[in-house]
ModelCIF file with pLDDT and N, C-alpha, C, O atoms, coordinates in Angstrom:
data_MODEL
#
_entry.id   MODEL 
#
_entity.id                         1 
_entity.type                       polymer 
_entity.pdbx_number_of_molecules   1 
#
_entity_poly.entity_id                      1 
_entity_poly.type                           'polypeptide(L)' 
_entity_poly.nstd_linkage                   no 
_entity_poly.nstd_monomer                   no 
_entity_poly.pdbx_seq_one_letter_code       ESVKGRFTISENGAKNTVNLQMDSLKPEDTGVYYCYVRIDR 
_entity_poly.pdbx_seq_one_letter_code_can   ESVKGRFTISENGAKNTVNLQMDSLKPEDTGVYYCYVRIDR 
_entity_poly.pdbx_strand_id                 A 
#
loop_
_entity_poly_seq.entity_id 
_entity_poly_seq.num 
_entity_poly_seq.mon_id 
_entity_poly_seq.hetero 
1 1  GLU n 
1 2  SER n 
1 3  VAL n 
1 4  LYS n 
1 5  GLY n 
1 6  ARG n 
1 7  PHE n 
1 8  THR n 
1 9  ILE n 
1 10 SER n 
1 11 GLU n 
1 12 ASN n 
1 13 GLY n 
1 14 ALA n 
1 15 LYS n 
1 16 ASN n 
1 17 THR n 
1 18 VAL n 
1 19 ASN n 
1 20 LEU n 
1 21 GLN n 
1 22 MET n 
1 23 ASP n 
1 24 SER n 
1 25 LEU n 
1 26 LYS n 
1 27 PRO n 
1 28 GLU n 
1 29 ASP n 
1 30 THR n 
1 31 GLY n 
1 32 VAL n 
1 33 TYR n 
1 34 TYR n 
1 35 CYS n 
1 36 TYR n 
1 37 VAL n 
1 38 ARG n 
1 39 ILE n 
1 40 ASP n 
1 41 ARG n 
#
_struct_asym.id          A 
_struct_asym.entity_id   1 
#
loop_
_ma_qa_metric.id 
_ma_qa_metric.mode 
_ma_qa_metric.name 
_ma_qa_metric.software_group_id 
_ma_qa_metric.type 
1 global pLDDT . pLDDT 
2 local  pLDDT . pLDDT 
#
_ma_qa_metric_global.metric_id      1 
_ma_qa_metric_global.metric_value   94.59 
_ma_qa_metric_global.model_id       1 
_ma_qa_metric_global.ordinal_id     1 
#
loop_
_ma_qa_metric_local.label_asym_id 
_ma_qa_metric_local.label_comp_id 
_ma_qa_metric_local.label_seq_id 
_ma_qa_metric_local.metric_id 
_ma_qa_metric_local.metric_value 
_ma_qa_metric_local.model_id 
_ma_qa_metric_local.ordinal_id 
A GLU 1  2 97.00 1 1  
A SER 2  2 97.00 1 2  
A VAL 3  2 98.00 1 3  
A LYS 4  2 97.00 1 4  
A GLY 5  2 97.00 1 5  
A ARG 6  2 98.00 1 6  
A PHE 7  2 98.00 1 7  
A THR 8  2 98.00 1 8  
A ILE 9  2 97.00 1 9  
A SER 10 2 95.00 1 10 
A GLU 11 2 91.00 1 11 
A ASN 12 2 85.00 1 12 
A GLY 13 2 78.00 1 13 
A ALA 14 2 80.00 1 14 
A LYS 15 2 84.00 1 15 
A ASN 16 2 90.00 1 16 
A THR 17 2 93.00 1 17 
A VAL 18 2 95.00 1 18 
A ASN 19 2 96.00 1 19 
A LEU 20 2 98.00 1 20 
A GLN 21 2 98.00 1 21 
A MET 22 2 98.00 1 22 
A ASP 23 2 98.00 1 23 
A SER 24 2 98.00 1 24 
A LEU 25 2 98.00 1 25 
A LYS 26 2 98.00 1 26 
A PRO 27 2 97.00 1 27 
A GLU 28 2 96.00 1 28 
A ASP 29 2 98.00 1 29 
A THR 30 2 98.00 1 30 
A GLY 31 2 98.00 1 31 
A VAL 32 2 98.00 1 32 
A TYR 33 2 98.00 1 33 
A TYR 34 2 98.00 1 34 
A CYS 35 2 97.00 1 35 
A TYR 36 2 96.00 1 36 
A VAL 37 2 95.00 1 37 
A ARG 38 2 94.00 1 38 
A ILE 39 2 91.00 1 39 
A ASP 40 2 87.00 1 40 
A ARG 41 2 87.00 1 41 
#
loop_
_atom_site.group_PDB 
_atom_site.id 
_atom_site.type_symbol 
_atom_site.label_atom_id 
_atom_site.label_alt_id 
_atom_site.label_comp_id 
_atom_site.label_asym_id 
_atom_site.label_entity_id 
_atom_site.label_seq_id 
_atom_site.pdbx_PDB_ins_code 
_atom_site.Cartn_x 
_atom_site.Cartn_y 
_atom_site.Cartn_z 
_atom_site.occupancy 
_atom_site.B_iso_or_equiv 
_atom_site.pdbx_formal_charge 
_atom_site.auth_seq_id 
_atom_site.auth_comp_id 
_atom_site.auth_asym_id 
_atom_site.auth_atom_id 
_atom_site.pdbx_PDB_model_num 
ATOM 1   N N  . GLU A 1 1  ? -13.601 18.065 -5.773  1.00 97.00 ? 1  GLU A N  1 
ATOM 2   C CA . GLU A 1 1  ? -13.152 16.523 -5.889  1.00 97.00 ? 1  GLU A CA 1 
ATOM 3   C C  . GLU A 1 1  ? -14.539 15.967 -6.513  1.00 97.00 ? 1  GLU A C  1 
ATOM 4   O O  . GLU A 1 1  ? -14.393 15.088 -7.363  1.00 97.00 ? 1  GLU A O  1 
ATOM 5   N N  . SER A 1 2  ? -15.898 16.370 -6.200  1.00 97.00 ? 2  SER A N  1 
ATOM 6   C CA . SER A 1 2  ? -16.776 15.598 -6.878  1.00 97.00 ? 2  SER A CA 1 
ATOM 7   C C  . SER A 1 2  ? -17.211 15.788 -8.073  1.00 97.00 ? 2  SER A C  1 
ATOM 8   O O  . SER A 1 2  ? -18.067 15.059 -8.574  1.00 97.00 ? 2  SER A O  1 
ATOM 9   N N  . VAL A 1 3  ? -16.661 16.822 -8.697  1.00 98.00 ? 3  VAL A N  1 
ATOM 10  C CA . VAL A 1 3  ? -17.179 16.919 -10.430 1.00 98.00 ? 3  VAL A CA 1 
ATOM 11  C C  . VAL A 1 3  ? -16.145 16.489 -11.467 1.00 98.00 ? 3  VAL A C  1 
ATOM 12  O O  . VAL A 1 3  ? -16.362 16.231 -12.651 1.00 98.00 ? 3  VAL A O  1 
ATOM 13  N N  . LYS A 1 4  ? -14.321 16.439 -10.440 1.00 97.00 ? 4  LYS A N  1 
ATOM 14  C CA . LYS A 1 4  ? -13.746 16.174 -11.560 1.00 97.00 ? 4  LYS A CA 1 
ATOM 15  C C  . LYS A 1 4  ? -13.767 14.739 -11.659 1.00 97.00 ? 4  LYS A C  1 
ATOM 16  O O  . LYS A 1 4  ? -14.039 13.729 -11.009 1.00 97.00 ? 4  LYS A O  1 
ATOM 17  N N  . GLY A 1 5  ? -13.145 15.323 -13.345 1.00 97.00 ? 5  GLY A N  1 
ATOM 18  C CA . GLY A 1 5  ? -13.404 14.178 -14.646 1.00 97.00 ? 5  GLY A CA 1 
ATOM 19  C C  . GLY A 1 5  ? -14.630 14.001 -14.939 1.00 97.00 ? 5  GLY A C  1 
ATOM 20  O O  . GLY A 1 5  ? -14.929 13.125 -15.751 1.00 97.00 ? 5  GLY A O  1 
ATOM 21  N N  . ARG A 1 6  ? -15.472 14.691 -14.420 1.00 98.00 ? 6  ARG A N  1 
ATOM 22  C CA . ARG A 1 6  ? -17.093 14.598 -15.102 1.00 98.00 ? 6  ARG A CA 1 
ATOM 23  C C  . ARG A 1 6  ? -17.418 15.880 -15.496 1.00 98.00 ? 6  ARG A C  1 
ATOM 24  O O  . ARG A 1 6  ? -18.138 15.731 -16.483 1.00 98.00 ? 6  ARG A O  1 
ATOM 25  N N  . PHE A 1 7  ? -17.231 17.543 -15.175 1.00 98.00 ? 7  PHE A N  1 
ATOM 26  C CA . PHE A 1 7  ? -17.243 18.297 -15.792 1.00 98.00 ? 7  PHE A CA 1 
ATOM 27  C C  . PHE A 1 7  ? -16.515 18.843 -15.824 1.00 98.00 ? 7  PHE A C  1 
ATOM 28  O O  . PHE A 1 7  ? -15.762 18.313 -15.007 1.00 98.00 ? 7  PHE A O  1 
ATOM 29  N N  . THR A 1 8  ? -15.597 20.402 -16.539 1.00 98.00 ? 8  THR A N  1 
ATOM 30  C CA . THR A 1 8  ? -15.438 20.911 -17.589 1.00 98.00 ? 8  THR A CA 1 
ATOM 31  C C  . THR A 1 8  ? -16.189 21.932 -17.911 1.00 98.00 ? 8  THR A C  1 
ATOM 32  O O  . THR A 1 8  ? -17.196 22.088 -18.602 1.00 98.00 ? 8  THR A O  1 
ATOM 33  N N  . ILE A 1 9  ? -15.004 23.088 -16.811 1.00 97.00 ? 9  ILE A N  1 
ATOM 34  C CA . ILE A 1 9  ? -15.308 24.460 -16.845 1.00 97.00 ? 9  ILE A CA 1 
ATOM 35  C C  . ILE A 1 9  ? -14.889 25.839 -18.119 1.00 97.00 ? 9  ILE A C  1 
ATOM 36  O O  . ILE A 1 9  ? -13.878 25.289 -18.556 1.00 97.00 ? 9  ILE A O  1 
ATOM 37  N N  . SER A 1 10 ? -14.956 26.773 -18.702 1.00 95.00 ? 10 SER A N  1 
ATOM 38  C CA . SER A 1 10 ? -14.497 26.745 -19.286 1.00 95.00 ? 10 SER A CA 1 
ATOM 39  C C  . SER A 1 10 ? -15.349 28.544 -19.584 1.00 95.00 ? 10 SER A C  1 
ATOM 40  O O  . SER A 1 10 ? -16.468 28.984 -19.318 1.00 95.00 ? 10 SER A O  1 
ATOM 41  N N  . GLU A 1 11 ? -14.442 28.982 -20.070 1.00 91.00 ? 11 GLU A N  1 
ATOM 42  C CA . GLU A 1 11 ? -14.396 30.763 -20.692 1.00 91.00 ? 11 GLU A CA 1 
ATOM 43  C C  . GLU A 1 11 ? -14.205 31.290 -21.237 1.00 91.00 ? 11 GLU A C  1 
ATOM 44  O O  . GLU A 1 11 ? -13.028 31.453 -21.560 1.00 91.00 ? 11 GLU A O  1 
ATOM 45  N N  . ASN A 1 12 ? -15.361 32.094 -21.868 1.00 85.00 ? 12 ASN A N  1 
ATOM 46  C CA . ASN A 1 12 ? -14.824 33.328 -23.061 1.00 85.00 ? 12 ASN A CA 1 
ATOM 47  C C  . ASN A 1 12 ? -15.108 34.606 -22.563 1.00 85.00 ? 12 ASN A C  1 
ATOM 48  O O  . ASN A 1 12 ? -16.261 34.969 -22.330 1.00 85.00 ? 12 ASN A O  1 
ATOM 49  N N  . GLY A 1 13 ? -13.886 35.473 -22.345 1.00 78.00 ? 13 GLY A N  1 
ATOM 50  C CA . GLY A 1 13 ? -13.322 36.441 -22.043 1.00 78.00 ? 13 GLY A CA 1 
ATOM 51  C C  . GLY A 1 13 ? -13.494 37.895 -22.628 1.00 78.00 ? 13 GLY A C  1 
ATOM 52  O O  . GLY A 1 13 ? -13.479 38.915 -21.940 1.00 78.00 ? 13 GLY A O  1 
ATOM 53  N N  . ALA A 1 14 ? -13.624 37.854 -23.717 1.00 80.00 ? 14 ALA A N  1 
ATOM 54  C CA . ALA A 1 14 ? -14.147 38.170 -24.907 1.00 80.00 ? 14 ALA A CA 1 
ATOM 55  C C  . ALA A 1 14 ? -15.420 38.407 -24.340 1.00 80.00 ? 14 ALA A C  1 
ATOM 56  O O  . ALA A 1 14 ? -15.758 39.555 -24.049 1.00 80.00 ? 14 ALA A O  1 
ATOM 57  N N  . LYS A 1 15 ? -16.318 37.228 -24.115 1.00 84.00 ? 15 LYS A N  1 
ATOM 58  C CA . LYS A 1 15 ? -17.407 37.347 -24.252 1.00 84.00 ? 15 LYS A CA 1 
ATOM 59  C C  . LYS A 1 15 ? -18.392 37.229 -22.669 1.00 84.00 ? 15 LYS A C  1 
ATOM 60  O O  . LYS A 1 15 ? -19.413 36.566 -22.488 1.00 84.00 ? 15 LYS A O  1 
ATOM 61  N N  . ASN A 1 16 ? -17.615 38.169 -21.630 1.00 90.00 ? 16 ASN A N  1 
ATOM 62  C CA . ASN A 1 16 ? -17.272 37.401 -20.601 1.00 90.00 ? 16 ASN A CA 1 
ATOM 63  C C  . ASN A 1 16 ? -18.243 36.222 -19.985 1.00 90.00 ? 16 ASN A C  1 
ATOM 64  O O  . ASN A 1 16 ? -18.323 36.480 -18.784 1.00 90.00 ? 16 ASN A O  1 
ATOM 65  N N  . THR A 1 17 ? -18.701 35.523 -20.155 1.00 93.00 ? 17 THR A N  1 
ATOM 66  C CA . THR A 1 17 ? -19.137 33.657 -20.463 1.00 93.00 ? 17 THR A CA 1 
ATOM 67  C C  . THR A 1 17 ? -17.937 32.945 -19.593 1.00 93.00 ? 17 THR A C  1 
ATOM 68  O O  . THR A 1 17 ? -16.706 32.962 -19.634 1.00 93.00 ? 17 THR A O  1 
ATOM 69  N N  . VAL A 1 18 ? -19.152 32.176 -18.617 1.00 95.00 ? 18 VAL A N  1 
ATOM 70  C CA . VAL A 1 18 ? -18.525 30.779 -18.204 1.00 95.00 ? 18 VAL A CA 1 
ATOM 71  C C  . VAL A 1 18 ? -18.992 30.173 -18.449 1.00 95.00 ? 18 VAL A C  1 
ATOM 72  O O  . VAL A 1 18 ? -20.096 30.545 -18.052 1.00 95.00 ? 18 VAL A O  1 
ATOM 73  N N  . ASN A 1 19 ? -19.149 29.150 -18.976 1.00 96.00 ? 19 ASN A N  1 
ATOM 74  C CA . ASN A 1 19 ? -19.689 27.862 -19.159 1.00 96.00 ? 19 ASN A CA 1 
ATOM 75  C C  . ASN A 1 19 ? -18.876 26.567 -17.775 1.00 96.00 ? 19 ASN A C  1 
ATOM 76  O O  . ASN A 1 19 ? -18.039 26.468 -16.878 1.00 96.00 ? 19 ASN A O  1 
ATOM 77  N N  . LEU A 1 20 ? -19.851 25.900 -18.485 1.00 98.00 ? 20 LEU A N  1 
ATOM 78  C CA . LEU A 1 20 ? -19.647 24.495 -17.313 1.00 98.00 ? 20 LEU A CA 1 
ATOM 79  C C  . LEU A 1 20 ? -20.483 22.744 -17.828 1.00 98.00 ? 20 LEU A C  1 
ATOM 80  O O  . LEU A 1 20 ? -21.486 22.078 -17.571 1.00 98.00 ? 20 LEU A O  1 
ATOM 81  N N  . GLN A 1 21 ? -19.358 22.697 -18.600 1.00 98.00 ? 21 GLN A N  1 
ATOM 82  C CA . GLN A 1 21 ? -20.617 21.272 -18.931 1.00 98.00 ? 21 GLN A CA 1 
ATOM 83  C C  . GLN A 1 21 ? -20.935 19.614 -18.238 1.00 98.00 ? 21 GLN A C  1 
ATOM 84  O O  . GLN A 1 21 ? -20.367 18.695 -18.828 1.00 98.00 ? 21 GLN A O  1 
ATOM 85  N N  . MET A 1 22 ? -21.380 19.428 -17.624 1.00 98.00 ? 22 MET A N  1 
ATOM 86  C CA . MET A 1 22 ? -21.877 18.564 -16.743 1.00 98.00 ? 22 MET A CA 1 
ATOM 87  C C  . MET A 1 22 ? -21.924 17.192 -17.471 1.00 98.00 ? 22 MET A C  1 
ATOM 88  O O  . MET A 1 22 ? -22.970 16.990 -18.087 1.00 98.00 ? 22 MET A O  1 
ATOM 89  N N  . ASP A 1 23 ? -21.057 16.290 -17.511 1.00 98.00 ? 23 ASP A N  1 
ATOM 90  C CA . ASP A 1 23 ? -21.490 15.147 -18.087 1.00 98.00 ? 23 ASP A CA 1 
ATOM 91  C C  . ASP A 1 23 ? -21.598 13.552 -16.988 1.00 98.00 ? 23 ASP A C  1 
ATOM 92  O O  . ASP A 1 23 ? -20.474 13.242 -16.594 1.00 98.00 ? 23 ASP A O  1 
ATOM 93  N N  . SER A 1 24 ? -22.508 12.767 -16.583 1.00 98.00 ? 24 SER A N  1 
ATOM 94  C CA . SER A 1 24 ? -22.141 11.539 -16.808 1.00 98.00 ? 24 SER A CA 1 
ATOM 95  C C  . SER A 1 24 ? -22.760 12.373 -14.433 1.00 98.00 ? 24 SER A C  1 
ATOM 96  O O  . SER A 1 24 ? -22.341 12.305 -13.278 1.00 98.00 ? 24 SER A O  1 
ATOM 97  N N  . LEU A 1 25 ? -23.899 12.976 -15.239 1.00 98.00 ? 25 LEU A N  1 
ATOM 98  C CA . LEU A 1 25 ? -24.516 13.470 -13.888 1.00 98.00 ? 25 LEU A CA 1 
ATOM 99  C C  . LEU A 1 25 ? -24.747 12.496 -13.456 1.00 98.00 ? 25 LEU A C  1 
ATOM 100 O O  . LEU A 1 25 ? -24.599 11.418 -14.033 1.00 98.00 ? 25 LEU A O  1 
ATOM 101 N N  . LYS A 1 26 ? -25.505 12.805 -11.412 1.00 98.00 ? 26 LYS A N  1 
ATOM 102 C CA . LYS A 1 26 ? -25.807 11.728 -10.384 1.00 98.00 ? 26 LYS A CA 1 
ATOM 103 C C  . LYS A 1 26 ? -27.100 12.194 -9.929  1.00 98.00 ? 26 LYS A C  1 
ATOM 104 O O  . LYS A 1 26 ? -27.520 13.189 -10.520 1.00 98.00 ? 26 LYS A O  1 
ATOM 105 N N  . PRO A 1 27 ? -27.582 11.870 -9.324  1.00 97.00 ? 27 PRO A N  1 
ATOM 106 C CA . PRO A 1 27 ? -28.226 12.071 -8.389  1.00 97.00 ? 27 PRO A CA 1 
ATOM 107 C C  . PRO A 1 27 ? -27.755 13.113 -8.117  1.00 97.00 ? 27 PRO A C  1 
ATOM 108 O O  . PRO A 1 27 ? -27.941 14.031 -8.915  1.00 97.00 ? 27 PRO A O  1 
ATOM 109 N N  . GLU A 1 28 ? -27.072 13.329 -7.050  1.00 96.00 ? 28 GLU A N  1 
ATOM 110 C CA . GLU A 1 28 ? -26.138 13.967 -6.035  1.00 96.00 ? 28 GLU A CA 1 
ATOM 111 C C  . GLU A 1 28 ? -25.713 14.792 -6.563  1.00 96.00 ? 28 GLU A C  1 
ATOM 112 O O  . GLU A 1 28 ? -25.078 15.520 -5.800  1.00 96.00 ? 28 GLU A O  1 
ATOM 113 N N  . ASP A 1 29 ? -25.717 15.191 -7.805  1.00 98.00 ? 29 ASP A N  1 
ATOM 114 C CA . ASP A 1 29 ? -25.577 16.629 -8.184  1.00 98.00 ? 29 ASP A CA 1 
ATOM 115 C C  . ASP A 1 29 ? -26.274 17.647 -8.870  1.00 98.00 ? 29 ASP A C  1 
ATOM 116 O O  . ASP A 1 29 ? -26.124 18.356 -9.865  1.00 98.00 ? 29 ASP A O  1 
ATOM 117 N N  . THR A 1 30 ? -27.426 17.378 -7.601  1.00 98.00 ? 30 THR A N  1 
ATOM 118 C CA . THR A 1 30 ? -28.960 17.971 -7.971  1.00 98.00 ? 30 THR A CA 1 
ATOM 119 C C  . THR A 1 30 ? -28.851 18.815 -7.205  1.00 98.00 ? 30 THR A C  1 
ATOM 120 O O  . THR A 1 30 ? -28.254 18.555 -6.161  1.00 98.00 ? 30 THR A O  1 
ATOM 121 N N  . GLY A 1 31 ? -29.477 20.385 -7.461  1.00 98.00 ? 31 GLY A N  1 
ATOM 122 C CA . GLY A 1 31 ? -28.765 21.620 -7.270  1.00 98.00 ? 31 GLY A CA 1 
ATOM 123 C C  . GLY A 1 31 ? -29.518 22.647 -7.270  1.00 98.00 ? 31 GLY A C  1 
ATOM 124 O O  . GLY A 1 31 ? -30.626 22.214 -7.588  1.00 98.00 ? 31 GLY A O  1 
ATOM 125 N N  . VAL A 1 32 ? -29.596 23.888 -7.085  1.00 98.00 ? 32 VAL A N  1 
ATOM 126 C CA . VAL A 1 32 ? -29.500 25.082 -7.109  1.00 98.00 ? 32 VAL A CA 1 
ATOM 127 C C  . VAL A 1 32 ? -27.872 25.262 -7.271  1.00 98.00 ? 32 VAL A C  1 
ATOM 128 O O  . VAL A 1 32 ? -26.908 24.941 -6.576  1.00 98.00 ? 32 VAL A O  1 
ATOM 129 N N  . TYR A 1 33 ? -28.053 25.983 -8.625  1.00 98.00 ? 33 TYR A N  1 
ATOM 130 C CA . TYR A 1 33 ? -26.944 26.280 -9.140  1.00 98.00 ? 33 TYR A CA 1 
ATOM 131 C C  . TYR A 1 33 ? -26.256 27.694 -9.151  1.00 98.00 ? 33 TYR A C  1 
ATOM 132 O O  . TYR A 1 33 ? -26.749 28.321 -10.089 1.00 98.00 ? 33 TYR A O  1 
ATOM 133 N N  . TYR A 1 34 ? -25.168 28.572 -8.384  1.00 98.00 ? 34 TYR A N  1 
ATOM 134 C CA . TYR A 1 34 ? -25.129 29.981 -8.918  1.00 98.00 ? 34 TYR A CA 1 
ATOM 135 C C  . TYR A 1 34 ? -24.009 30.049 -9.347  1.00 98.00 ? 34 TYR A C  1 
ATOM 136 O O  . TYR A 1 34 ? -22.945 29.457 -9.163  1.00 98.00 ? 34 TYR A O  1 
ATOM 137 N N  . CYS A 1 35 ? -24.613 31.373 -10.344 1.00 97.00 ? 35 CYS A N  1 
ATOM 138 C CA . CYS A 1 35 ? -22.777 31.726 -10.874 1.00 97.00 ? 35 CYS A CA 1 
ATOM 139 C C  . CYS A 1 35 ? -22.156 32.684 -10.507 1.00 97.00 ? 35 CYS A C  1 
ATOM 140 O O  . CYS A 1 35 ? -22.572 33.841 -10.573 1.00 97.00 ? 35 CYS A O  1 
ATOM 141 N N  . TYR A 1 36 ? -20.851 32.263 -9.978  1.00 96.00 ? 36 TYR A N  1 
ATOM 142 C CA . TYR A 1 36 ? -20.051 33.848 -9.230  1.00 96.00 ? 36 TYR A CA 1 
ATOM 143 C C  . TYR A 1 36 ? -19.041 34.221 -10.095 1.00 96.00 ? 36 TYR A C  1 
ATOM 144 O O  . TYR A 1 36 ? -18.390 33.472 -10.824 1.00 96.00 ? 36 TYR A O  1 
ATOM 145 N N  . VAL A 1 37 ? -18.954 35.332 -9.985  1.00 95.00 ? 37 VAL A N  1 
ATOM 146 C CA . VAL A 1 37 ? -17.777 36.464 -10.770 1.00 95.00 ? 37 VAL A CA 1 
ATOM 147 C C  . VAL A 1 37 ? -17.417 37.604 -9.699  1.00 95.00 ? 37 VAL A C  1 
ATOM 148 O O  . VAL A 1 37 ? -18.078 38.300 -8.928  1.00 95.00 ? 37 VAL A O  1 
ATOM 149 N N  . ARG A 1 38 ? -16.012 37.461 -10.025 1.00 94.00 ? 38 ARG A N  1 
ATOM 150 C CA . ARG A 1 38 ? -14.792 38.376 -8.997  1.00 94.00 ? 38 ARG A CA 1 
ATOM 151 C C  . ARG A 1 38 ? -14.716 39.438 -9.858  1.00 94.00 ? 38 ARG A C  1 
ATOM 152 O O  . ARG A 1 38 ? -14.517 39.428 -11.073 1.00 94.00 ? 38 ARG A O  1 
ATOM 153 N N  . ILE A 1 39 ? -14.925 40.519 -8.976  1.00 91.00 ? 39 ILE A N  1 
ATOM 154 C CA . ILE A 1 39 ? -14.719 41.737 -9.946  1.00 91.00 ? 39 ILE A CA 1 
ATOM 155 C C  . ILE A 1 39 ? -13.912 43.073 -8.754  1.00 91.00 ? 39 ILE A C  1 
ATOM 156 O O  . ILE A 1 39 ? -14.191 43.761 -7.773  1.00 91.00 ? 39 ILE A O  1 
ATOM 157 N N  . ASP A 1 40 ? -13.077 42.854 -9.460  1.00 87.00 ? 40 ASP A N  1 
ATOM 158 C CA . ASP A 1 40 ? -11.647 44.252 -8.447  1.00 87.00 ? 40 ASP A CA 1 
ATOM 159 C C  . ASP A 1 40 ? -12.014 43.937 -7.345  1.00 87.00 ? 40 ASP A C  1 
ATOM 160 O O  . ASP A 1 40 ? -12.413 44.880 -6.661  1.00 87.00 ? 40 ASP A O  1 
ATOM 161 N N  . ARG A 1 41 ? -12.053 42.321 -6.598  1.00 87.00 ? 41 ARG A N  1 
ATOM 162 C CA . ARG A 1 41 ? -11.769 42.088 -5.316  1.00 87.00 ? 41 ARG A CA 1 
ATOM 163 C C  . ARG A 1 41 ? -13.923 42.209 -4.167  1.00 87.00 ? 41 ARG A C  1 
ATOM 164 O O  . ARG A 1 41 ? -13.984 42.034 -2.950  1.00 87.00 ? 41 ARG A O  1 
#
């Protein structure tokens, strides 16, 4: 909820890539960001 309207997630299935566009960044967004993928459970 804290990032709705500011962050946009998208993917390119053919390239197995996910992107996160982060706009209107706030200091509270500071942290370590970890990519996550689920494959076959």
